Protein backbone atom coordinates (compact mmCIF):
# COMPACT_ATOMS: atom_id res chain seq x y z
CA UNK A 1 15.11 12.77 36.04
CA UNK A 2 18.53 12.58 36.18
CA UNK A 3 21.32 11.83 33.52
CA UNK A 4 21.56 8.04 34.61
CA UNK A 5 17.86 7.32 34.08
CA UNK A 6 17.30 9.91 31.39
CA UNK A 7 20.04 7.23 29.05
CA UNK A 8 18.83 3.86 30.26
CA UNK A 9 15.35 5.47 28.63
CA UNK A 10 16.89 6.40 25.75
CA UNK A 11 18.66 2.78 25.40
CA UNK A 12 15.81 1.03 25.84
CA UNK A 13 13.15 3.39 24.10
CA UNK A 14 16.29 2.17 20.69
CA UNK A 15 16.69 -1.04 21.66
CA UNK A 16 12.79 -1.44 21.71
CA UNK A 17 12.50 0.83 18.30
CA UNK A 18 15.27 -1.02 16.96
CA UNK A 19 13.72 -4.94 17.67
CA UNK A 20 10.27 -3.47 16.20
CA UNK A 21 11.70 -2.56 13.01
CA UNK A 22 12.71 -5.86 12.31
CA UNK A 23 9.68 -7.18 12.96
CA UNK A 24 6.94 -9.12 10.60
CA UNK A 25 3.91 -6.82 10.33
CA UNK A 26 -0.08 -7.23 9.60
CA UNK A 27 -0.63 -6.61 5.61
CA UNK A 28 -3.26 -6.67 3.67
CA UNK A 29 -3.18 -6.46 0.22
CA UNK A 30 -5.35 -7.14 -3.09
CA UNK A 31 -4.10 -9.00 -5.74
CA UNK A 32 -6.40 -10.29 -9.04
CA UNK A 33 -9.83 -9.85 -6.88
CA UNK A 34 -9.05 -11.37 -3.82
CA UNK A 35 -8.01 -10.15 -0.66
CA UNK A 36 -5.21 -11.71 0.71
CA UNK A 37 -3.83 -11.22 5.10
CA UNK A 38 -0.57 -11.87 6.38
CA UNK A 39 -0.97 -12.94 10.31
CA UNK A 40 1.77 -12.63 12.75
CA UNK A 41 0.16 -14.43 15.10
CA UNK A 42 1.88 -17.59 15.15
CA UNK A 43 -0.22 -20.31 15.61
CA UNK A 44 -0.90 -24.07 14.89
CA UNK A 45 -2.60 -25.10 11.28
CA UNK A 46 -5.85 -25.99 12.76
CA UNK A 47 -5.87 -22.89 14.41
CA UNK A 48 -4.64 -20.97 12.16
CA UNK A 49 -7.08 -22.23 10.00
CA UNK A 50 -10.35 -21.56 12.02
CA UNK A 51 -9.31 -18.42 12.37
CA UNK A 52 -8.75 -17.78 8.73
CA UNK A 53 -12.42 -19.43 8.46
CA UNK A 54 -13.50 -16.90 11.36
CA UNK A 55 -12.39 -14.18 9.43
CA UNK A 56 -14.38 -15.22 6.05
CA UNK A 57 -11.76 -16.55 4.28
CA UNK A 58 -9.23 -19.69 4.38
CA UNK A 59 -5.80 -20.42 4.61
CA UNK A 60 -4.56 -19.37 1.28
CA UNK A 61 -4.66 -21.76 -1.50
CA UNK A 62 -2.61 -21.40 -4.90
CA UNK A 63 -3.31 -22.33 -8.19
CA UNK A 64 -0.42 -20.37 -9.71
CA UNK A 65 2.89 -19.13 -10.68
CA UNK A 66 1.63 -15.72 -11.44
CA UNK A 67 -0.29 -15.86 -8.00
CA UNK A 68 3.10 -18.06 -6.01
CA UNK A 69 5.22 -15.44 -7.40
CA UNK A 70 3.27 -13.03 -5.65
CA UNK A 71 2.69 -14.57 -2.15
CA UNK A 72 6.42 -14.67 -2.20
CA UNK A 73 6.59 -10.69 -2.75
CA UNK A 74 3.26 -10.57 -0.10
CA UNK A 75 5.42 -12.00 2.66
CA UNK A 76 9.25 -10.96 1.75
CA UNK A 77 6.91 -7.06 2.24
CA UNK A 78 5.61 -7.83 5.51
CA UNK A 79 8.39 -10.23 6.98
CA UNK A 80 11.06 -7.45 5.71
CA UNK A 81 13.17 -9.85 3.49
CA UNK A 82 12.62 -12.85 6.56
CA UNK A 83 10.73 -15.13 5.21
CA UNK A 84 9.46 -17.00 8.63
CA UNK A 85 8.05 -20.61 7.87
CA UNK A 86 4.21 -19.37 6.90
CA UNK A 87 1.06 -21.61 7.08
CA UNK A 88 -0.82 -21.88 3.37
CA UNK A 89 -4.12 -24.48 3.15
CA UNK A 90 -2.06 -27.39 1.12
CA UNK A 91 -2.54 -30.53 3.28
CA UNK A 92 -2.73 -34.55 3.05
CA UNK A 93 -4.65 -35.09 5.16
CA UNK A 94 -7.05 -37.92 3.93
CA UNK A 95 -4.24 -39.65 1.62
CA UNK A 96 -0.13 -40.04 2.60
CA UNK A 97 1.08 -38.37 -0.38
CA UNK A 98 -2.18 -36.78 -2.14
CA UNK A 99 -2.35 -33.32 -1.12
CA UNK A 100 -5.43 -31.17 -1.12
CA UNK A 101 -6.11 -27.77 -0.74
CA UNK A 102 -8.69 -26.53 1.55
CA UNK A 103 -11.27 -25.28 -0.96
CA UNK A 104 -11.69 -28.55 -3.51
CA UNK A 105 -9.48 -26.85 -5.62
CA UNK A 106 -7.01 -29.71 -8.27
CA UNK A 107 -3.38 -29.25 -6.93
CA UNK A 108 -2.12 -27.78 -10.91
CA UNK A 109 0.46 -26.16 -9.24
CA UNK A 110 3.22 -26.69 -6.90
CA UNK A 111 6.42 -25.29 -5.25
CA UNK A 112 8.46 -27.76 -3.37
CA UNK A 113 12.37 -27.14 -2.36
CA UNK A 114 13.77 -30.55 -4.47
CA UNK A 115 13.32 -34.25 -2.16
CA UNK A 116 9.53 -32.00 -0.65
CA UNK A 117 7.80 -33.62 0.54
CA UNK A 118 8.80 -36.45 2.31
CA UNK A 119 6.46 -36.85 5.08
CA UNK A 120 9.11 -36.25 8.16
CA UNK A 121 7.99 -36.64 11.12
CA UNK A 122 4.41 -37.47 10.43
CA UNK A 123 4.32 -33.94 7.84
CA UNK A 124 1.07 -33.17 6.84
CA UNK A 125 0.27 -29.92 6.22
CA UNK A 126 2.11 -26.85 4.11
CA UNK A 127 4.67 -24.07 4.56
CA UNK A 128 6.22 -21.31 2.86
CA UNK A 129 9.65 -21.65 4.19
CA UNK A 130 13.13 -19.69 3.24
CA UNK A 131 16.54 -22.04 2.78
CA UNK A 132 18.92 -20.30 2.25
CA UNK A 133 18.22 -18.20 -0.95
CA UNK A 134 15.56 -19.59 -2.12
CA UNK A 135 11.74 -19.72 -0.83
CA UNK A 136 9.62 -22.47 -1.60
CA UNK A 137 7.04 -24.79 -0.16
CA UNK A 138 8.22 -28.07 2.59
CA UNK A 139 5.80 -30.58 3.89
CA UNK A 140 5.59 -29.21 8.11
CA UNK A 141 4.43 -30.99 10.72
CA UNK A 142 0.85 -29.00 12.31
CA UNK A 143 2.05 -28.62 15.93
CA UNK A 144 4.03 -26.21 15.28
CA UNK A 145 2.84 -22.45 15.71
CA UNK A 146 4.23 -20.40 12.17
CA UNK A 147 2.29 -16.84 11.03
CA UNK A 148 -0.06 -17.58 7.81
CA UNK A 149 -2.12 -15.94 4.73
CA UNK A 150 -5.46 -15.42 4.98
CA UNK A 151 -6.89 -15.53 1.75
CA UNK A 152 -10.28 -13.95 0.75
CA UNK A 153 -12.72 -14.37 -2.17
CA UNK A 154 -13.15 -11.04 -3.22
CA UNK A 155 -10.59 -7.69 -2.30
CA UNK A 156 -10.35 -6.22 1.23
CA UNK A 157 -10.48 -2.57 2.73
CA UNK A 158 -6.81 -1.47 3.71
CA UNK A 159 -5.42 -3.80 1.12
CA UNK A 160 -3.23 -2.24 -1.73
CA UNK A 161 -4.25 -2.69 -4.94
CA UNK A 162 -1.77 -6.08 -7.01
CA UNK A 163 -3.16 -6.32 -10.73
CA UNK A 164 -0.26 -7.95 -11.81
CA UNK A 165 -1.93 -10.35 -14.01
CA UNK A 166 -5.12 -10.61 -15.41
CA UNK A 167 -5.21 -14.76 -15.75
CA UNK A 168 -6.63 -16.88 -13.52
CA UNK A 169 -7.80 -20.33 -12.83
CA UNK A 170 -11.80 -20.73 -13.77
CA UNK A 171 -12.12 -22.89 -10.71
CA UNK A 172 -11.26 -19.39 -8.36
CA UNK A 173 -14.47 -17.79 -9.58
CA UNK A 174 -16.38 -20.98 -8.26
CA UNK A 175 -15.48 -21.56 -4.50
């Protein structure tokens, strides 16, 4: 290999490594007896829901401030602090403005941006989203492709343990 070809291959390799370094990674962690998986394949909400169910889980349902704080750190870890829009399992498909978790759990905890949900452009699904330095929920159109989080009712293999809180809604264990 001549010197120009070697330098070109080296340059391309460095570019690929740098591009990959900032890319989101699939990540699995356990928290409070549940498993969480960050999926970096962007899908529309319905496909993400179906994929989660095929995996034996569901799009994440957030019932407490403690779980929400864990999930924000989980997303930051998986995305190297970038925080792309990430689907969760909250929607108002049946009645506009009546937000329901896929699991049927009551919506007792919310984490909306100010002014949200606003139902602009028929937004019936919810994403974690970053605006400036704030990370909160926003209603979103279901035809957008985003990463997503699968939650399992049990711990998962290859998942790091995160026992930050021993409190959890009693409804969670009944799913």
